[in-house]
């Protein structure tokens, strides 16, 4: 089993838009082979901080998730010039 906790800091003026982009990942991600859980939420204290919890059957399933079309689209969206992240996402694996 592989569990990932991801914190993404975004520009506060784009937090709602970026949160919607992350929410759009939930349904297709839950349909991926090996996905046990995929949850997303805003930080209650920091509007520019987004959290994601992922639980996968195998490390390979998590690796495969990173190369899906919906993940690539999200990364392209977050990487666009007008939405530069405050810093790189923080990823913790267990």
N, C-alpha and C. Protein backbone atom coordinates (compact mmCIF):
# COMPACT_ATOMS: atom_id res chain seq x y z
N UNK A 1 0.84 -1.18 0.00
CA UNK A 1 0.00 0.00 0.00
C UNK A 1 0.88 1.24 0.00
N UNK A 2 0.38 2.29 -0.63
CA UNK A 2 1.09 3.56 -0.70
C UNK A 2 0.12 4.68 -0.37
N UNK A 3 0.51 5.53 0.56
CA UNK A 3 -0.31 6.68 0.94
C UNK A 3 0.47 7.95 0.66
N UNK A 4 -0.19 8.92 0.07
CA UNK A 4 0.44 10.20 -0.22
C UNK A 4 -0.36 11.32 0.42
N UNK A 5 0.35 12.22 1.08
CA UNK A 5 -0.23 13.45 1.62
C UNK A 5 0.43 14.59 0.87
N UNK A 6 -0.35 15.41 0.20
CA UNK A 6 0.21 16.46 -0.63
C UNK A 6 -0.35 17.81 -0.18
N UNK A 7 0.55 18.76 0.00
CA UNK A 7 0.16 20.14 0.30
C UNK A 7 0.62 21.01 -0.86
N UNK A 8 -0.30 21.78 -1.40
CA UNK A 8 0.01 22.66 -2.51
C UNK A 8 -0.32 24.09 -2.10
N UNK A 9 0.66 24.97 -2.20
CA UNK A 9 0.43 26.38 -1.93
C UNK A 9 0.21 27.09 -3.26
N UNK A 10 -0.92 27.78 -3.36
CA UNK A 10 -1.26 28.51 -4.57
C UNK A 10 -1.44 29.99 -4.23
N UNK A 11 -1.47 30.81 -5.25
CA UNK A 11 -1.73 32.23 -5.01
C UNK A 11 -3.12 32.37 -4.41
N UNK A 12 -3.25 33.08 -3.30
CA UNK A 12 -4.56 33.21 -2.65
C UNK A 12 -5.64 33.76 -3.57
N UNK A 13 -5.28 34.63 -4.51
CA UNK A 13 -6.29 35.17 -5.42
C UNK A 13 -6.75 34.16 -6.46
N UNK A 14 -6.08 33.01 -6.54
CA UNK A 14 -6.49 31.94 -7.46
C UNK A 14 -6.90 30.67 -6.72
N UNK A 15 -7.01 30.74 -5.41
CA UNK A 15 -7.26 29.53 -4.61
C UNK A 15 -8.56 28.84 -4.98
N UNK A 16 -9.64 29.58 -5.17
CA UNK A 16 -10.91 28.94 -5.52
C UNK A 16 -10.84 28.26 -6.87
N UNK A 17 -10.24 28.93 -7.84
CA UNK A 17 -10.12 28.35 -9.18
C UNK A 17 -9.22 27.11 -9.15
N UNK A 18 -8.11 27.19 -8.43
CA UNK A 18 -7.21 26.05 -8.35
C UNK A 18 -7.84 24.90 -7.57
N UNK A 19 -8.63 25.22 -6.55
CA UNK A 19 -9.32 24.17 -5.80
C UNK A 19 -10.31 23.44 -6.71
N UNK A 20 -11.02 24.17 -7.56
CA UNK A 20 -11.94 23.52 -8.49
C UNK A 20 -11.18 22.60 -9.44
N UNK A 21 -10.01 23.04 -9.89
CA UNK A 21 -9.20 22.20 -10.77
C UNK A 21 -8.80 20.90 -10.06
N UNK A 22 -8.46 21.00 -8.78
CA UNK A 22 -8.10 19.79 -8.03
C UNK A 22 -9.34 18.92 -7.78
N UNK A 23 -10.48 19.54 -7.51
CA UNK A 23 -11.70 18.77 -7.31
C UNK A 23 -12.09 18.00 -8.57
N UNK A 24 -11.78 18.56 -9.73
CA UNK A 24 -12.06 17.88 -10.99
C UNK A 24 -11.27 16.58 -11.14
N UNK A 25 -10.23 16.41 -10.35
CA UNK A 25 -9.43 15.17 -10.39
C UNK A 25 -10.07 14.02 -9.62
N UNK A 26 -10.94 14.33 -8.68
CA UNK A 26 -11.44 13.30 -7.76
C UNK A 26 -12.11 12.16 -8.51
N UNK A 27 -13.10 12.45 -9.33
CA UNK A 27 -13.84 11.38 -9.99
C UNK A 27 -12.97 10.51 -10.90
N UNK A 28 -12.18 11.11 -11.83
CA UNK A 28 -11.36 10.24 -12.67
C UNK A 28 -10.30 9.48 -11.88
N UNK A 29 -9.78 10.08 -10.83
CA UNK A 29 -8.75 9.40 -10.04
C UNK A 29 -9.34 8.21 -9.30
N UNK A 30 -10.53 8.37 -8.73
CA UNK A 30 -11.16 7.25 -8.04
C UNK A 30 -11.44 6.08 -8.98
N UNK A 31 -11.55 6.35 -10.28
CA UNK A 31 -11.77 5.30 -11.26
C UNK A 31 -10.50 4.62 -11.75
N UNK A 32 -9.35 5.10 -11.30
CA UNK A 32 -8.09 4.50 -11.74
C UNK A 32 -7.84 3.17 -11.04
N UNK A 33 -7.20 2.23 -11.76
CA UNK A 33 -6.85 0.96 -11.11
C UNK A 33 -5.93 1.20 -9.91
N UNK A 34 -6.26 0.58 -8.81
CA UNK A 34 -5.43 0.67 -7.62
C UNK A 34 -5.73 1.82 -6.68
N UNK A 35 -6.65 2.71 -7.06
CA UNK A 35 -6.98 3.84 -6.18
C UNK A 35 -7.97 3.38 -5.12
N UNK A 36 -7.59 3.52 -3.86
CA UNK A 36 -8.44 3.16 -2.73
C UNK A 36 -9.18 4.39 -2.22
N UNK A 37 -8.48 5.51 -2.13
CA UNK A 37 -9.09 6.76 -1.65
C UNK A 37 -8.37 7.94 -2.27
N UNK A 38 -9.13 8.99 -2.52
CA UNK A 38 -8.57 10.23 -3.04
C UNK A 38 -9.44 11.35 -2.51
N UNK A 39 -8.89 12.16 -1.62
CA UNK A 39 -9.66 13.22 -0.98
C UNK A 39 -8.90 14.54 -1.09
N UNK A 40 -9.66 15.60 -1.15
CA UNK A 40 -9.08 16.92 -1.33
C UNK A 40 -9.82 17.91 -0.43
N UNK A 41 -9.09 18.88 0.12
CA UNK A 41 -9.75 19.93 0.91
C UNK A 41 -8.89 21.19 0.96
N UNK A 42 -9.57 22.30 1.26
CA UNK A 42 -8.91 23.58 1.55
C UNK A 42 -8.38 23.53 2.97
N UNK A 43 -7.31 24.23 3.24
CA UNK A 43 -6.86 24.44 4.61
C UNK A 43 -7.81 25.44 5.27
N UNK A 44 -8.21 25.18 6.50
CA UNK A 44 -9.16 26.06 7.18
C UNK A 44 -8.56 27.40 7.56
N UNK A 45 -7.25 27.44 7.76
CA UNK A 45 -6.60 28.68 8.20
C UNK A 45 -5.92 29.46 7.08
N UNK A 46 -5.58 28.80 6.00
CA UNK A 46 -4.82 29.43 4.92
C UNK A 46 -5.53 29.19 3.59
N UNK A 47 -6.18 30.19 3.01
CA UNK A 47 -6.93 30.00 1.78
C UNK A 47 -6.05 29.63 0.58
N UNK A 48 -4.75 29.85 0.67
CA UNK A 48 -3.85 29.49 -0.41
C UNK A 48 -3.22 28.13 -0.26
N UNK A 49 -3.67 27.35 0.73
CA UNK A 49 -3.10 26.03 0.98
C UNK A 49 -4.15 24.96 0.71
N UNK A 50 -3.82 24.03 -0.18
CA UNK A 50 -4.72 22.94 -0.56
C UNK A 50 -4.09 21.62 -0.12
N UNK A 51 -4.92 20.69 0.35
CA UNK A 51 -4.45 19.39 0.82
C UNK A 51 -5.07 18.27 -0.01
N UNK A 52 -4.29 17.24 -0.25
CA UNK A 52 -4.79 16.06 -0.95
C UNK A 52 -4.29 14.82 -0.22
N UNK A 53 -5.18 13.85 -0.02
CA UNK A 53 -4.85 12.57 0.59
C UNK A 53 -5.15 11.50 -0.45
N UNK A 54 -4.16 10.65 -0.72
CA UNK A 54 -4.32 9.57 -1.69
C UNK A 54 -3.88 8.26 -1.07
N UNK A 55 -4.65 7.21 -1.31
CA UNK A 55 -4.30 5.88 -0.82
C UNK A 55 -4.39 4.92 -2.00
N UNK A 56 -3.31 4.21 -2.26
CA UNK A 56 -3.19 3.35 -3.44
C UNK A 56 -2.81 1.93 -3.03
N UNK A 57 -3.23 0.95 -3.81
CA UNK A 57 -2.91 -0.45 -3.53
C UNK A 57 -1.43 -0.73 -3.67
N UNK A 58 -0.79 -0.07 -4.65
CA UNK A 58 0.64 -0.30 -4.90
C UNK A 58 1.35 1.01 -5.23
N UNK A 59 2.66 1.00 -5.09
CA UNK A 59 3.47 2.15 -5.52
C UNK A 59 3.33 2.37 -7.02
N UNK A 60 3.23 1.28 -7.77
CA UNK A 60 3.10 1.40 -9.22
C UNK A 60 1.81 2.10 -9.60
N UNK A 61 0.73 1.82 -8.88
CA UNK A 61 -0.55 2.49 -9.17
C UNK A 61 -0.42 4.00 -8.96
N UNK A 62 0.28 4.40 -7.90
CA UNK A 62 0.50 5.83 -7.66
C UNK A 62 1.38 6.43 -8.76
N UNK A 63 2.42 5.72 -9.15
CA UNK A 63 3.28 6.19 -10.24
C UNK A 63 2.48 6.34 -11.53
N UNK A 64 1.62 5.37 -11.82
CA UNK A 64 0.80 5.43 -13.03
C UNK A 64 -0.14 6.63 -13.00
N UNK A 65 -0.67 6.94 -11.83
CA UNK A 65 -1.57 8.08 -11.66
C UNK A 65 -0.89 9.37 -12.11
N UNK A 66 0.38 9.51 -11.82
CA UNK A 66 1.10 10.74 -12.15
C UNK A 66 1.17 10.99 -13.65
N UNK A 67 1.01 9.95 -14.46
CA UNK A 67 1.13 10.13 -15.90
C UNK A 67 -0.21 10.11 -16.63
N UNK A 68 -1.32 10.17 -15.89
CA UNK A 68 -2.64 10.19 -16.54
C UNK A 68 -2.88 11.54 -17.20
N UNK A 69 -3.80 11.54 -18.14
CA UNK A 69 -4.13 12.79 -18.85
C UNK A 69 -4.67 13.84 -17.89
N UNK A 70 -5.49 13.43 -16.92
CA UNK A 70 -6.07 14.42 -16.01
C UNK A 70 -5.02 15.01 -15.07
N UNK A 71 -4.01 14.22 -14.68
CA UNK A 71 -2.93 14.78 -13.86
C UNK A 71 -2.05 15.72 -14.68
N UNK A 72 -1.74 15.34 -15.90
CA UNK A 72 -0.94 16.21 -16.76
C UNK A 72 -1.66 17.54 -17.00
N UNK A 73 -2.98 17.47 -17.19
CA UNK A 73 -3.76 18.70 -17.41
C UNK A 73 -3.71 19.59 -16.18
N UNK A 74 -3.81 19.00 -14.99
CA UNK A 74 -3.74 19.80 -13.76
C UNK A 74 -2.37 20.45 -13.62
N UNK A 75 -1.33 19.69 -13.86
CA UNK A 75 0.03 20.23 -13.73
C UNK A 75 0.27 21.33 -14.75
N UNK A 76 -0.26 21.17 -15.95
CA UNK A 76 -0.16 22.23 -16.95
C UNK A 76 -0.91 23.48 -16.49
N UNK A 77 -2.09 23.27 -15.92
CA UNK A 77 -2.90 24.38 -15.42
C UNK A 77 -2.17 25.12 -14.31
N UNK A 78 -1.63 24.40 -13.35
CA UNK A 78 -0.92 25.03 -12.24
C UNK A 78 0.37 25.68 -12.70
N UNK A 79 0.94 25.19 -13.77
CA UNK A 79 2.21 25.72 -14.24
C UNK A 79 2.08 26.89 -15.19
N UNK A 80 0.84 27.27 -15.53
CA UNK A 80 0.66 28.36 -16.48
C UNK A 80 1.17 29.67 -15.88
N UNK A 81 1.53 30.59 -16.73
CA UNK A 81 2.24 31.80 -16.31
C UNK A 81 1.50 32.62 -15.27
N UNK A 82 0.17 32.68 -15.34
CA UNK A 82 -0.55 33.54 -14.41
C UNK A 82 -0.90 32.85 -13.11
N UNK A 83 -0.46 31.63 -12.90
CA UNK A 83 -0.81 30.89 -11.69
C UNK A 83 0.40 30.26 -11.04
N UNK A 84 1.50 30.90 -11.05
CA UNK A 84 2.71 30.33 -10.48
C UNK A 84 2.48 29.94 -9.02
N UNK A 85 2.86 28.74 -8.69
CA UNK A 85 2.74 28.27 -7.31
C UNK A 85 3.71 29.04 -6.43
N UNK A 86 3.35 29.19 -5.18
CA UNK A 86 4.24 29.86 -4.24
C UNK A 86 5.55 29.11 -4.09
N UNK A 87 5.48 27.79 -4.11
CA UNK A 87 6.67 26.94 -4.09
C UNK A 87 6.22 25.54 -4.47
N UNK A 88 7.17 24.65 -4.63
CA UNK A 88 6.84 23.30 -5.09
C UNK A 88 5.89 22.61 -4.11
N UNK A 89 4.97 21.78 -4.63
CA UNK A 89 4.10 21.02 -3.73
C UNK A 89 4.92 20.16 -2.78
N UNK A 90 4.42 20.00 -1.57
CA UNK A 90 5.08 19.16 -0.58
C UNK A 90 4.39 17.80 -0.60
N UNK A 91 5.17 16.75 -0.81
CA UNK A 91 4.64 15.39 -0.90
C UNK A 91 5.26 14.54 0.20
N UNK A 92 4.40 13.87 0.98
CA UNK A 92 4.86 12.91 1.99
C UNK A 92 4.28 11.56 1.63
N UNK A 93 5.13 10.55 1.59
CA UNK A 93 4.69 9.19 1.28
C UNK A 93 4.85 8.30 2.49
N UNK A 94 3.93 7.37 2.65
CA UNK A 94 4.08 6.38 3.71
C UNK A 94 3.53 5.06 3.26
